């Protein structure tokens, strides 16, 4: 009986991709903590993961005509939103480093757990191929 590779890996391949993109956004927030008028952004991870699981990519626009220009990027992501600050600064910057660091740590732990799970899946797949 053939099993699809995507169904074998489950949600973790999409989760790993989304967590990587979220880490980039959170790192950009931290890098711009002192930039005036910078607005902190974040991905609604659950919303993005549901979209990825439903085969609707959260990072691509859907085209209705073959002549439409294909576009991807942060602006096309409906799961991407500006973070609401609890204590906005006087210079218009909405980055709160303690919140960004906590979210970055939480995202890193999720990334590592997905990576560990995928590693165990590949290890069991390799064992099956070797006949162990």
N, C-alpha and C. Protein backbone atom coordinates (compact mmCIF):
# COMPACT_ATOMS: atom_id res chain seq x y z
N UNK A 1 0.84 -1.18 0.00
CA UNK A 1 0.00 0.00 0.00
C UNK A 1 0.88 1.24 0.00
N UNK A 2 0.68 2.11 -0.96
CA UNK A 2 1.48 3.32 -1.09
C UNK A 2 0.94 4.41 -0.15
N UNK A 3 1.86 5.07 0.52
CA UNK A 3 1.50 6.16 1.42
C UNK A 3 2.15 7.42 0.88
N UNK A 4 1.38 8.49 0.78
CA UNK A 4 1.93 9.75 0.29
C UNK A 4 2.95 10.31 1.26
N UNK A 5 4.00 10.88 0.71
CA UNK A 5 5.06 11.44 1.53
C UNK A 5 4.55 12.60 2.39
N UNK A 6 3.69 13.44 1.80
CA UNK A 6 3.13 14.57 2.55
C UNK A 6 2.27 14.10 3.70
N UNK A 7 1.47 13.07 3.48
CA UNK A 7 0.62 12.57 4.55
C UNK A 7 1.46 11.87 5.63
N UNK A 8 2.58 11.30 5.25
CA UNK A 8 3.45 10.65 6.22
C UNK A 8 4.10 11.67 7.16
N UNK A 9 4.50 12.81 6.61
CA UNK A 9 5.15 13.83 7.43
C UNK A 9 4.15 14.64 8.25
N UNK A 10 2.91 14.65 7.83
CA UNK A 10 1.88 15.36 8.58
C UNK A 10 2.04 16.87 8.46
N UNK A 11 1.72 17.55 9.53
CA UNK A 11 1.70 19.00 9.56
C UNK A 11 3.09 19.60 9.74
N UNK A 12 4.06 18.80 10.07
CA UNK A 12 5.35 19.32 10.50
C UNK A 12 6.19 19.95 9.38
N UNK A 13 6.02 19.52 8.15
CA UNK A 13 6.78 20.18 7.08
C UNK A 13 6.27 21.60 6.86
N UNK A 14 4.94 21.78 6.90
CA UNK A 14 4.38 23.13 6.79
C UNK A 14 4.74 23.97 8.01
N UNK A 15 4.68 23.36 9.18
CA UNK A 15 4.99 24.08 10.42
C UNK A 15 6.44 24.55 10.42
N UNK A 16 7.34 23.73 9.93
CA UNK A 16 8.75 24.10 9.88
C UNK A 16 8.97 25.29 8.95
N UNK A 17 8.33 25.29 7.81
CA UNK A 17 8.45 26.39 6.87
C UNK A 17 7.87 27.68 7.47
N UNK A 18 6.71 27.58 8.10
CA UNK A 18 6.08 28.76 8.70
C UNK A 18 6.88 29.29 9.88
N UNK A 19 7.43 28.40 10.68
CA UNK A 19 8.24 28.83 11.83
C UNK A 19 9.52 29.51 11.38
N UNK A 20 10.08 29.07 10.25
CA UNK A 20 11.25 29.74 9.70
C UNK A 20 10.91 31.16 9.27
N UNK A 21 9.80 31.31 8.58
CA UNK A 21 9.38 32.65 8.15
C UNK A 21 9.02 33.53 9.34
N UNK A 22 8.41 32.95 10.36
CA UNK A 22 8.08 33.73 11.55
C UNK A 22 9.35 34.17 12.28
N UNK A 23 10.37 33.31 12.32
CA UNK A 23 11.63 33.67 12.95
C UNK A 23 12.28 34.85 12.23
N UNK A 24 12.19 34.88 10.90
CA UNK A 24 12.74 36.00 10.14
C UNK A 24 12.01 37.31 10.47
N UNK A 25 10.69 37.24 10.60
CA UNK A 25 9.91 38.43 10.93
C UNK A 25 10.22 38.92 12.33
N UNK A 26 10.30 38.00 13.29
CA UNK A 26 10.61 38.38 14.67
C UNK A 26 12.03 38.94 14.79
N UNK A 27 12.96 38.36 14.03
CA UNK A 27 14.33 38.88 14.04
C UNK A 27 14.38 40.28 13.46
N UNK A 28 13.60 40.53 12.41
CA UNK A 28 13.54 41.88 11.84
C UNK A 28 12.96 42.87 12.85
N UNK A 29 11.96 42.42 13.61
CA UNK A 29 11.41 43.28 14.66
C UNK A 29 12.47 43.64 15.68
N UNK A 30 13.22 42.65 16.13
CA UNK A 30 14.27 42.91 17.13
C UNK A 30 15.38 43.79 16.57
N UNK A 31 15.71 43.59 15.30
CA UNK A 31 16.77 44.40 14.69
C UNK A 31 16.35 45.86 14.55
N UNK A 32 15.06 46.10 14.46
CA UNK A 32 14.56 47.46 14.29
C UNK A 32 13.96 48.03 15.57
N UNK A 33 14.39 47.54 16.71
CA UNK A 33 13.83 47.98 17.99
C UNK A 33 14.09 49.46 18.25
N UNK A 34 15.12 50.05 17.66
CA UNK A 34 15.43 51.46 17.87
C UNK A 34 15.12 52.32 16.65
N UNK A 35 14.47 51.76 15.65
CA UNK A 35 14.14 52.51 14.44
C UNK A 35 12.86 53.31 14.66
N UNK A 36 12.91 54.61 14.52
CA UNK A 36 11.68 55.41 14.71
C UNK A 36 10.59 55.02 13.71
N UNK A 37 9.37 54.98 14.20
CA UNK A 37 8.17 54.67 13.42
C UNK A 37 8.14 53.26 12.83
N UNK A 38 8.99 52.35 13.30
CA UNK A 38 8.94 50.97 12.83
C UNK A 38 7.77 50.28 13.53
N UNK A 39 6.99 49.55 12.77
CA UNK A 39 5.83 48.84 13.31
C UNK A 39 6.13 47.35 13.36
N UNK A 40 6.04 46.77 14.55
CA UNK A 40 6.31 45.35 14.74
C UNK A 40 5.24 44.51 14.06
N UNK A 41 5.68 43.42 13.40
CA UNK A 41 4.78 42.52 12.69
C UNK A 41 4.93 41.12 13.27
N UNK A 42 3.92 40.31 13.05
CA UNK A 42 3.97 38.91 13.45
C UNK A 42 2.98 38.12 12.61
N UNK A 43 3.21 36.82 12.55
CA UNK A 43 2.31 35.92 11.82
C UNK A 43 1.37 35.27 12.83
N UNK A 44 0.11 35.19 12.48
CA UNK A 44 -0.83 34.39 13.24
C UNK A 44 -0.56 32.94 12.81
N UNK A 45 0.23 32.24 13.62
CA UNK A 45 0.74 30.92 13.23
C UNK A 45 -0.39 29.93 12.99
N UNK A 46 -1.39 29.92 13.85
CA UNK A 46 -2.48 28.96 13.68
C UNK A 46 -3.25 29.21 12.38
N UNK A 47 -3.50 30.46 12.07
CA UNK A 47 -4.21 30.81 10.83
C UNK A 47 -3.39 30.41 9.61
N UNK A 48 -2.09 30.71 9.65
CA UNK A 48 -1.22 30.38 8.52
C UNK A 48 -1.10 28.87 8.35
N UNK A 49 -1.04 28.13 9.45
CA UNK A 49 -0.93 26.68 9.37
C UNK A 49 -2.21 26.07 8.81
N UNK A 50 -3.36 26.59 9.21
CA UNK A 50 -4.63 26.09 8.66
C UNK A 50 -4.70 26.35 7.16
N UNK A 51 -4.23 27.51 6.74
CA UNK A 51 -4.23 27.83 5.32
C UNK A 51 -3.28 26.91 4.56
N UNK A 52 -2.13 26.62 5.14
CA UNK A 52 -1.16 25.74 4.49
C UNK A 52 -1.71 24.31 4.40
N UNK A 53 -2.42 23.86 5.42
CA UNK A 53 -2.98 22.52 5.42
C UNK A 53 -4.14 22.39 4.42
N UNK A 54 -4.83 23.49 4.14
CA UNK A 54 -5.95 23.43 3.20
C UNK A 54 -5.48 23.65 1.77
N UNK A 55 -4.19 23.52 1.54
CA UNK A 55 -3.59 23.69 0.21
C UNK A 55 -3.71 25.12 -0.31
N UNK A 56 -4.09 26.05 0.53
CA UNK A 56 -4.16 27.45 0.15
C UNK A 56 -2.97 28.12 0.80
N UNK A 57 -1.97 28.42 0.01
CA UNK A 57 -0.76 28.99 0.55
C UNK A 57 -1.02 30.38 1.11
N UNK A 58 -0.60 30.65 2.36
CA UNK A 58 -0.81 31.98 2.92
C UNK A 58 0.14 33.02 2.33
N UNK A 59 1.07 32.60 1.49
CA UNK A 59 2.08 33.50 0.98
C UNK A 59 1.98 33.72 -0.53
N UNK A 60 0.87 33.32 -1.13
CA UNK A 60 0.71 33.49 -2.56
C UNK A 60 -0.66 34.06 -2.87
N UNK A 61 -0.71 34.92 -3.86
CA UNK A 61 -1.98 35.40 -4.36
C UNK A 61 -2.55 34.39 -5.34
N UNK A 62 -3.83 34.21 -5.31
CA UNK A 62 -4.48 33.32 -6.28
C UNK A 62 -4.80 34.12 -7.53
N UNK A 63 -4.51 33.55 -8.67
CA UNK A 63 -4.80 34.21 -9.93
C UNK A 63 -6.03 33.59 -10.56
N UNK A 64 -6.82 34.40 -11.22
CA UNK A 64 -8.03 33.91 -11.89
C UNK A 64 -7.88 33.90 -13.40
N UNK A 65 -6.76 34.42 -13.88
CA UNK A 65 -6.51 34.47 -15.31
C UNK A 65 -5.04 34.18 -15.53
N UNK A 66 -4.71 33.48 -16.61
CA UNK A 66 -3.31 33.12 -16.86
C UNK A 66 -2.44 34.35 -17.12
N UNK A 67 -3.04 35.50 -17.46
CA UNK A 67 -2.28 36.71 -17.72
C UNK A 67 -1.96 37.51 -16.45
N UNK A 68 -2.51 37.09 -15.32
CA UNK A 68 -2.21 37.79 -14.08
C UNK A 68 -0.76 37.58 -13.68
N UNK A 69 -0.19 38.59 -13.06
CA UNK A 69 1.19 38.51 -12.60
C UNK A 69 1.22 37.76 -11.28
N UNK A 70 2.10 36.77 -11.20
CA UNK A 70 2.24 35.99 -9.98
C UNK A 70 3.06 36.80 -8.98
N UNK A 71 2.53 36.96 -7.77
CA UNK A 71 3.23 37.73 -6.75
C UNK A 71 3.24 36.97 -5.44
N UNK A 72 4.36 37.04 -4.73
CA UNK A 72 4.47 36.44 -3.40
C UNK A 72 5.18 37.43 -2.50
N UNK A 73 5.07 37.21 -1.22
CA UNK A 73 5.78 38.07 -0.27
C UNK A 73 4.96 38.36 0.96
N UNK A 74 5.55 39.15 1.87
CA UNK A 74 4.89 39.47 3.12
C UNK A 74 3.57 40.18 2.93
N UNK A 75 3.49 41.08 1.97
CA UNK A 75 2.27 41.86 1.78
C UNK A 75 1.10 40.98 1.35
N UNK A 76 1.39 39.82 0.78
CA UNK A 76 0.35 38.93 0.30
C UNK A 76 -0.16 37.98 1.38
N UNK A 77 0.40 38.02 2.54
CA UNK A 77 0.10 37.06 3.59
C UNK A 77 -1.01 37.58 4.49
N UNK A 78 -2.21 36.97 4.42
CA UNK A 78 -3.29 37.43 5.29
C UNK A 78 -3.08 37.08 6.76
N UNK A 79 -2.15 36.17 7.06
CA UNK A 79 -1.87 35.81 8.44
C UNK A 79 -0.88 36.78 9.08
N UNK A 80 -0.29 37.68 8.28
CA UNK A 80 0.68 38.65 8.79
C UNK A 80 -0.06 39.90 9.24
N UNK A 81 0.24 40.34 10.46
CA UNK A 81 -0.45 41.53 11.00
C UNK A 81 0.52 42.33 11.85
N UNK A 82 0.18 43.58 12.07
CA UNK A 82 0.97 44.41 12.96
C UNK A 82 0.63 44.06 14.40
N UNK A 83 1.66 44.04 15.24
CA UNK A 83 1.47 43.73 16.65
C UNK A 83 0.92 44.96 17.37
N UNK A 84 -0.04 44.75 18.25
CA UNK A 84 -0.58 45.84 19.05
C UNK A 84 0.31 46.04 20.27
N UNK A 85 0.92 47.20 20.41
CA UNK A 85 1.83 47.43 21.53
C UNK A 85 1.08 47.64 22.85
N UNK A 86 1.69 47.18 23.93
CA UNK A 86 1.12 47.45 25.25
C UNK A 86 1.60 48.79 25.78
N UNK A 87 2.83 49.17 25.41
CA UNK A 87 3.39 50.46 25.79
C UNK A 87 4.11 51.07 24.59
N UNK A 88 3.39 51.77 23.72
CA UNK A 88 4.04 52.34 22.54
C UNK A 88 5.05 53.41 22.94
N UNK A 89 6.12 53.50 22.18
CA UNK A 89 7.15 54.50 22.49
C UNK A 89 6.79 55.85 21.88
N UNK A 90 7.46 56.87 22.32
CA UNK A 90 7.18 58.22 21.85
C UNK A 90 7.60 58.44 20.40
N UNK A 91 8.57 57.66 19.92
CA UNK A 91 9.04 57.84 18.54
C UNK A 91 8.22 57.04 17.52
N UNK A 92 7.14 56.41 17.94
CA UNK A 92 6.27 55.68 17.02
C UNK A 92 6.66 54.23 16.80
N UNK A 93 7.73 53.77 17.42
CA UNK A 93 8.17 52.39 17.29
C UNK A 93 7.28 51.51 18.17
N UNK A 94 6.78 50.40 17.62
CA UNK A 94 5.91 49.51 18.39
C UNK A 94 6.60 48.21 18.82
N UNK A 95 7.91 48.13 18.62
CA UNK A 95 8.65 46.93 19.02
C UNK A 95 8.89 46.96 20.53
N UNK A 96 8.45 45.90 21.20
CA UNK A 96 8.73 45.73 22.62
C UNK A 96 9.65 44.52 22.74
N UNK A 97 10.91 44.79 23.05
CA UNK A 97 11.93 43.74 22.96
C UNK A 97 11.62 42.54 23.85
N UNK A 98 11.06 42.76 25.02
CA UNK A 98 10.78 41.62 25.90
C UNK A 98 9.71 40.71 25.29
N UNK A 99 8.74 41.27 24.62
CA UNK A 99 7.71 40.46 23.96
C UNK A 99 8.29 39.75 22.74
N UNK A 100 9.08 40.46 21.96
CA UNK A 100 9.69 39.87 20.76
C UNK A 100 10.63 38.73 21.13
N UNK A 101 11.42 38.92 22.19
CA UNK A 101 12.34 37.86 22.63
C UNK A 101 11.57 36.64 23.12
N UNK A 102 10.48 36.86 23.84
CA UNK A 102 9.67 35.74 24.31
C UNK A 102 9.04 34.99 23.15
N UNK A 103 8.51 35.72 22.18
CA UNK A 103 7.91 35.08 21.00
C UNK A 103 8.96 34.37 20.16
N UNK A 104 10.16 34.95 20.06
CA UNK A 104 11.24 34.30 19.32
C UNK A 104 11.63 32.99 20.00
N UNK A 105 11.71 33.00 21.33
CA UNK A 105 12.03 31.77 22.08
C UNK A 105 10.95 30.72 21.90
N UNK A 106 9.69 31.13 22.01
CA UNK A 106 8.57 30.21 21.83
C UNK A 106 8.58 29.63 20.42
N UNK A 107 8.84 30.46 19.44
CA UNK A 107 8.91 30.00 18.06
C UNK A 107 10.08 29.04 17.86
N UNK A 108 11.22 29.32 18.49
CA UNK A 108 12.39 28.44 18.37
C UNK A 108 12.12 27.07 18.97
N UNK A 109 11.41 27.04 20.10
CA UNK A 109 11.07 25.74 20.71
C UNK A 109 10.14 24.95 19.80
N UNK A 110 9.16 25.62 19.19
CA UNK A 110 8.27 24.95 18.25
C UNK A 110 9.02 24.45 17.03
N UNK A 111 9.98 25.24 16.55
CA UNK A 111 10.80 24.85 15.41
C UNK A 111 11.60 23.58 15.75
N UNK A 112 12.21 23.58 16.92
CA UNK A 112 13.02 22.42 17.32
C UNK A 112 12.15 21.18 17.52
N UNK A 113 10.95 21.34 18.06
CA UNK A 113 10.09 20.17 18.24
C UNK A 113 9.63 19.62 16.89
N UNK A 114 9.31 20.49 15.94
CA UNK A 114 8.95 20.01 14.60
C UNK A 114 10.14 19.34 13.92
N UNK A 115 11.32 19.92 14.09
CA UNK A 115 12.52 19.34 13.51
C UNK A 115 12.83 17.97 14.11
N UNK A 116 12.66 17.84 15.41
CA UNK A 116 12.88 16.56 16.09
C UNK A 116 11.88 15.52 15.61
N UNK A 117 10.62 15.93 15.48
CA UNK A 117 9.60 15.01 15.01
C UNK A 117 9.89 14.55 13.58
N UNK A 118 10.27 15.48 12.71
CA UNK A 118 10.60 15.11 11.34
C UNK A 118 11.82 14.20 11.29
N UNK A 119 12.80 14.48 12.16
CA UNK A 119 13.98 13.61 12.23
C UNK A 119 13.62 12.19 12.59
N UNK A 120 12.71 12.03 13.54
CA UNK A 120 12.30 10.67 13.93
C UNK A 120 11.50 9.99 12.81
N UNK A 121 10.72 10.78 12.08
CA UNK A 121 9.98 10.22 10.94
C UNK A 121 10.94 9.72 9.86
N UNK A 122 11.96 10.53 9.56
CA UNK A 122 12.94 10.12 8.55
C UNK A 122 13.77 8.92 9.03
N UNK A 123 14.06 8.88 10.32
CA UNK A 123 14.82 7.75 10.86
C UNK A 123 14.00 6.46 10.74
N UNK A 124 12.71 6.52 11.05
CA UNK A 124 11.88 5.31 10.92
C UNK A 124 11.69 4.94 9.45
N UNK A 125 11.62 5.92 8.58
CA UNK A 125 11.50 5.66 7.14
C UNK A 125 12.78 5.00 6.62
N UNK A 126 13.92 5.48 7.08
CA UNK A 126 15.19 4.89 6.67
C UNK A 126 15.30 3.45 7.19
N UNK A 127 14.82 3.22 8.41
CA UNK A 127 14.81 1.86 8.96
C UNK A 127 13.93 0.94 8.13
N UNK A 128 12.80 1.44 7.65
CA UNK A 128 11.91 0.62 6.83
C UNK A 128 12.55 0.30 5.48
N UNK A 129 13.28 1.27 4.92
CA UNK A 129 13.95 1.06 3.64
C UNK A 129 15.07 0.02 3.80
N UNK A 130 15.79 0.08 4.92
CA UNK A 130 16.87 -0.88 5.17
C UNK A 130 16.35 -2.24 5.60
N UNK A 131 15.07 -2.32 5.95
CA UNK A 131 14.48 -3.61 6.36
C UNK A 131 14.75 -3.91 7.81
N UNK A 132 14.91 -2.92 8.63
CA UNK A 132 15.17 -3.13 10.06
C UNK A 132 13.89 -3.24 10.83
